[in-house]
Amino acid sequence: MTEAGVVHVFVSRGRFSSFEDIRDYVDAGRSEDGDAEPSVFMGEAGIAELEPMCVEAVHARDDGHLGLVVPEVLLRGASYADQWLPQVESTEPADAAICVFAPNMVTNPHGTALHYLGRFTYRA
């Protein structure tokens, strides 16, 4: 039996120069004492606990594209994209994207410095 899944999709243009820049923005860090510190993205999006294996980052240059591309092209390699990508109505070009899958909970999607495309469903 398959379960319904949820993905929150964020895109950006010009904010990140590389895939590593995106991961620095998304991934939690550690304090000098070794305590977990939320990332900038976690704070902005309202994610209390991040399951990093359920967050996918895409950078157009790392996918072989040299400039801005529409979400349909940028996101086609994301998990379950064949199911949820047809729900994306935006044609605004971007060069980076972040897909946040369950069990991560996004409580403030419009609080990020990125453009929020929306919450989409798929079958896992």
C-alpha atoms as a PDB file:
ATOM      1  CA  MET A   1       0.000   0.000   0.000  1.00  0.00           C
ATOM      2  CA  THR A   2       1.313   3.461  -0.859  1.00  0.00           C
ATOM      3  CA  GLU A   3       1.091   6.513   1.356  1.00  0.00           C
ATOM      4  CA  ALA A   4       0.451  10.098   0.351  1.00  0.00           C
ATOM      5  CA  GLY A   5       3.512  12.278   0.673  1.00  0.00           C
ATOM      6  CA  VAL A   6       3.983  16.019   0.769  1.00  0.00           C
ATOM      7  CA  VAL A   7       6.754  18.151  -0.695  1.00  0.00           C
ATOM      8  CA  HIS A   8       7.276  21.888  -0.226  1.00  0.00           C
ATOM      9  CA  VAL A   9       9.149  23.491  -3.122  1.00  0.00           C
ATOM     10  CA  PHE A  10      11.239  26.660  -3.014  1.00  0.00           C
ATOM     11  CA  VAL A  11      13.154  28.239  -5.920  1.00  0.00           C
ATOM     12  CA  SER A  12      15.690  31.000  -6.249  1.00  0.00           C
ATOM     13  CA  ARG A  13      17.559  32.914  -8.882  1.00  0.00           C
ATOM     14  CA  GLY A  14      21.006  34.327  -8.309  1.00  0.00           C
ATOM     15  CA  ARG A  15      21.134  33.692  -4.570  1.00  0.00           C
ATOM     16  CA  PHE A  16      23.389  30.613  -4.631  1.00  0.00           C
ATOM     17  CA  SER A  17      26.580  30.318  -6.650  1.00  0.00           C
ATOM     18  CA  SER A  18      26.889  26.547  -6.177  1.00  0.00           C
ATOM     19  CA  PHE A  19      25.287  23.434  -4.772  1.00  0.00           C
ATOM     20  CA  GLU A  20      27.509  23.826  -1.684  1.00  0.00           C
ATOM     21  CA  ASP A  21      26.063  27.307  -1.064  1.00  0.00           C
ATOM     22  CA  ILE A  22      22.566  25.827  -1.026  1.00  0.00           C
ATOM     23  CA  ARG A  23      23.603  23.081   1.412  1.00  0.00           C
ATOM     24  CA  ASP A  24      25.219  25.685   3.709  1.00  0.00           C
ATOM     25  CA  TYR A  25      21.876  27.512   3.765  1.00  0.00           C
ATOM     26  CA  VAL A  26      19.838  24.318   4.400  1.00  0.00           C
ATOM     27  CA  ASP A  27      21.965  22.065   6.603  1.00  0.00           C
ATOM     28  CA  ALA A  28      22.043  22.400  10.385  1.00  0.00           C
ATOM     29  CA  GLY A  29      25.375  23.225  11.938  1.00  0.00           C
ATOM     30  CA  ARG A  30      27.135  22.583  15.231  1.00  0.00           C
ATOM     31  CA  SER A  31      28.125  25.052  17.918  1.00  0.00           C
ATOM     32  CA  GLU A  32      31.590  25.065  19.465  1.00  0.00           C
ATOM     33  CA  ASP A  33      30.076  22.917  22.241  1.00  0.00           C
ATOM     34  CA  GLY A  34      28.841  20.371  19.700  1.00  0.00           C
ATOM     35  CA  ASP A  35      25.180  21.281  20.049  1.00  0.00           C
ATOM     36  CA  ALA A  36      23.012  21.267  16.935  1.00  0.00           C
ATOM     37  CA  GLU A  37      22.240  24.720  15.569  1.00  0.00           C
ATOM     38  CA  PRO A  38      19.410  25.286  13.130  1.00  0.00           C
ATOM     39  CA  SER A  39      20.317  26.502   9.671  1.00  0.00           C
ATOM     40  CA  VAL A  40      19.152  29.833   8.292  1.00  0.00           C
ATOM     41  CA  PHE A  41      16.639  27.977   6.122  1.00  0.00           C
ATOM     42  CA  MET A  42      15.262  26.015   9.091  1.00  0.00           C
ATOM     43  CA  GLY A  43      14.647  29.239  10.987  1.00  0.00           C
ATOM     44  CA  GLU A  44      13.081  31.061   8.057  1.00  0.00           C
ATOM     45  CA  ALA A  45      10.827  28.151   7.012  1.00  0.00           C
ATOM     46  CA  GLY A  46       9.841  27.251  10.568  1.00  0.00           C
ATOM     47  CA  ILE A  47      11.280  23.733  10.558  1.00  0.00           C
ATOM     48  CA  ALA A  48      11.742  22.598  14.172  1.00  0.00           C
ATOM     49  CA  GLU A  49      13.636  19.382  13.420  1.00  0.00           C
ATOM     50  CA  LEU A  50      15.206  18.687  10.070  1.00  0.00           C
ATOM     51  CA  GLU A  51      15.556  15.217   8.570  1.00  0.00           C
ATOM     52  CA  PRO A  52      18.339  16.024   6.080  1.00  0.00           C
ATOM     53  CA  MET A  53      17.784  12.880   4.025  1.00  0.00           C
ATOM     54  CA  CYS A  54      14.350  14.269   3.118  1.00  0.00           C
ATOM     55  CA  VAL A  55      15.588  17.564   1.692  1.00  0.00           C
ATOM     56  CA  GLU A  56      16.809  17.803  -1.871  1.00  0.00           C
ATOM     57  CA  ALA A  57      18.740  20.748  -3.267  1.00  0.00           C
ATOM     58  CA  VAL A  58      19.189  21.427  -6.975  1.00  0.00           C
ATOM     59  CA  HIS A  59      21.505  23.913  -8.628  1.00  0.00           C
ATOM     60  CA  ALA A  60      21.119  24.472 -12.375  1.00  0.00           C
ATOM     61  CA  ARG A  61      24.870  24.565 -13.034  1.00  0.00           C
ATOM     62  CA  ASP A  62      25.318  21.207 -11.330  1.00  0.00           C
ATOM     63  CA  ASP A  63      22.610  19.806 -13.613  1.00  0.00           C
ATOM     64  CA  GLY A  64      24.439  20.992 -16.742  1.00  0.00           C
ATOM     65  CA  HIS A  65      22.402  24.161 -17.277  1.00  0.00           C
ATOM     66  CA  LEU A  66      24.302  27.430 -17.523  1.00  0.00           C
ATOM     67  CA  GLY A  67      21.519  29.865 -16.792  1.00  0.00           C
ATOM     68  CA  LEU A  68      17.987  30.203 -15.548  1.00  0.00           C
ATOM     69  CA  VAL A  69      15.505  27.458 -16.397  1.00  0.00           C
ATOM     70  CA  VAL A  70      11.806  26.943 -15.772  1.00  0.00           C
ATOM     71  CA  PRO A  71      10.844  24.772 -12.752  1.00  0.00           C
ATOM     72  CA  GLU A  72       9.710  21.952 -15.036  1.00  0.00           C
ATOM     73  CA  VAL A  73      13.310  21.590 -16.266  1.00  0.00           C
ATOM     74  CA  LEU A  74      15.101  22.447 -13.008  1.00  0.00           C
ATOM     75  CA  LEU A  75      13.105  19.995 -10.883  1.00  0.00           C
ATOM     76  CA  ARG A  76      12.609  17.033 -13.219  1.00  0.00           C
ATOM     77  CA  GLY A  77      15.255  14.952 -11.402  1.00  0.00           C
ATOM     78  CA  ALA A  78      13.755  15.442  -7.922  1.00  0.00           C
ATOM     79  CA  SER A  79      12.191  12.503  -6.079  1.00  0.00           C
ATOM     80  CA  TYR A  80       8.658  11.667  -7.208  1.00  0.00           C
ATOM     81  CA  ALA A  81       8.771  14.653  -9.630  1.00  0.00           C
ATOM     82  CA  ASP A  82       6.754  12.725 -12.184  1.00  0.00           C
ATOM     83  CA  GLN A  83       3.851  12.860  -9.720  1.00  0.00           C
ATOM     84  CA  TRP A  84       4.014  16.350  -8.204  1.00  0.00           C
ATOM     85  CA  LEU A  85       5.792  18.435 -10.855  1.00  0.00           C
ATOM     86  CA  PRO A  86       2.693  18.581 -13.115  1.00  0.00           C
ATOM     87  CA  GLN A  87       0.963  20.396 -10.210  1.00  0.00           C
ATOM     88  CA  VAL A  88       3.525  23.252 -10.355  1.00  0.00           C
ATOM     89  CA  GLU A  89       2.039  26.149 -12.284  1.00  0.00           C
ATOM     90  CA  SER A  90       4.999  28.529 -12.134  1.00  0.00           C
ATOM     91  CA  THR A  91       7.048  29.194 -15.263  1.00  0.00           C
ATOM     92  CA  GLU A  92       9.315  31.693 -13.513  1.00  0.00           C
ATOM     93  CA  PRO A  93      12.937  30.862 -14.390  1.00  0.00           C
ATOM     94  CA  ALA A  94      15.240  29.904 -11.525  1.00  0.00           C
ATOM     95  CA  ASP A  95      18.716  28.490 -11.041  1.00  0.00           C
ATOM     96  CA  ALA A  96      18.283  26.764  -7.672  1.00  0.00           C
ATOM     97  CA  ALA A  97      15.608  24.829  -5.814  1.00  0.00           C
ATOM     98  CA  ILE A  98      15.000  23.190  -2.460  1.00  0.00           C
ATOM     99  CA  CYS A  99      12.462  20.395  -2.048  1.00  0.00           C
ATOM    100  CA  VAL A 100      11.439  19.597   1.527  1.00  0.00           C
ATOM    101  CA  PHE A 101       9.754  16.203   1.883  1.00  0.00           C
ATOM    102  CA  ALA A 102       7.888  14.725   4.850  1.00  0.00           C
ATOM    103  CA  PRO A 103       8.536  13.954   7.683  1.00  0.00           C
ATOM    104  CA  ASN A 104       9.906  17.516   7.700  1.00  0.00           C
ATOM    105  CA  MET A 105       7.202  20.008   8.597  1.00  0.00           C
ATOM    106  CA  VAL A 106       7.323  23.488   7.107  1.00  0.00           C
ATOM    107  CA  THR A 107       5.318  25.908   9.272  1.00  0.00           C
ATOM    108  CA  ASN A 108       6.368  29.238   7.706  1.00  0.00           C
ATOM    109  CA  PRO A 109       6.988  28.655   3.983  1.00  0.00           C
ATOM    110  CA  HIS A 110       6.559  32.298   3.026  1.00  0.00           C
ATOM    111  CA  GLY A 111       9.127  33.384   5.642  1.00  0.00           C
ATOM    112  CA  THR A 112      12.124  32.344   3.570  1.00  0.00           C
ATOM    113  CA  ALA A 113      14.210  34.526   1.296  1.00  0.00           C
ATOM    114  CA  LEU A 114      13.246  32.141  -1.516  1.00  0.00           C
ATOM    115  CA  HIS A 115      10.193  32.011  -3.771  1.00  0.00           C
ATOM    116  CA  TYR A 116       7.743  29.422  -2.439  1.00  0.00           C
ATOM    117  CA  LEU A 117       6.099  27.475  -5.270  1.00  0.00           C
ATOM    118  CA  GLY A 118       3.785  25.570  -2.962  1.00  0.00           C
ATOM    119  CA  ARG A 119       2.917  22.326  -1.241  1.00  0.00           C
ATOM    120  CA  PHE A 120       2.383  19.351  -3.517  1.00  0.00           C
ATOM    121  CA  THR A 121       1.322  15.751  -2.977  1.00  0.00           C
ATOM    122  CA  TYR A 122       2.580  12.461  -4.372  1.00  0.00           C
ATOM    123  CA  ARG A 123       2.239   8.739  -3.651  1.00  0.00           C
ATOM    124  CA  ALA A 124       5.235   7.072  -1.981  1.00  0.00           C
END
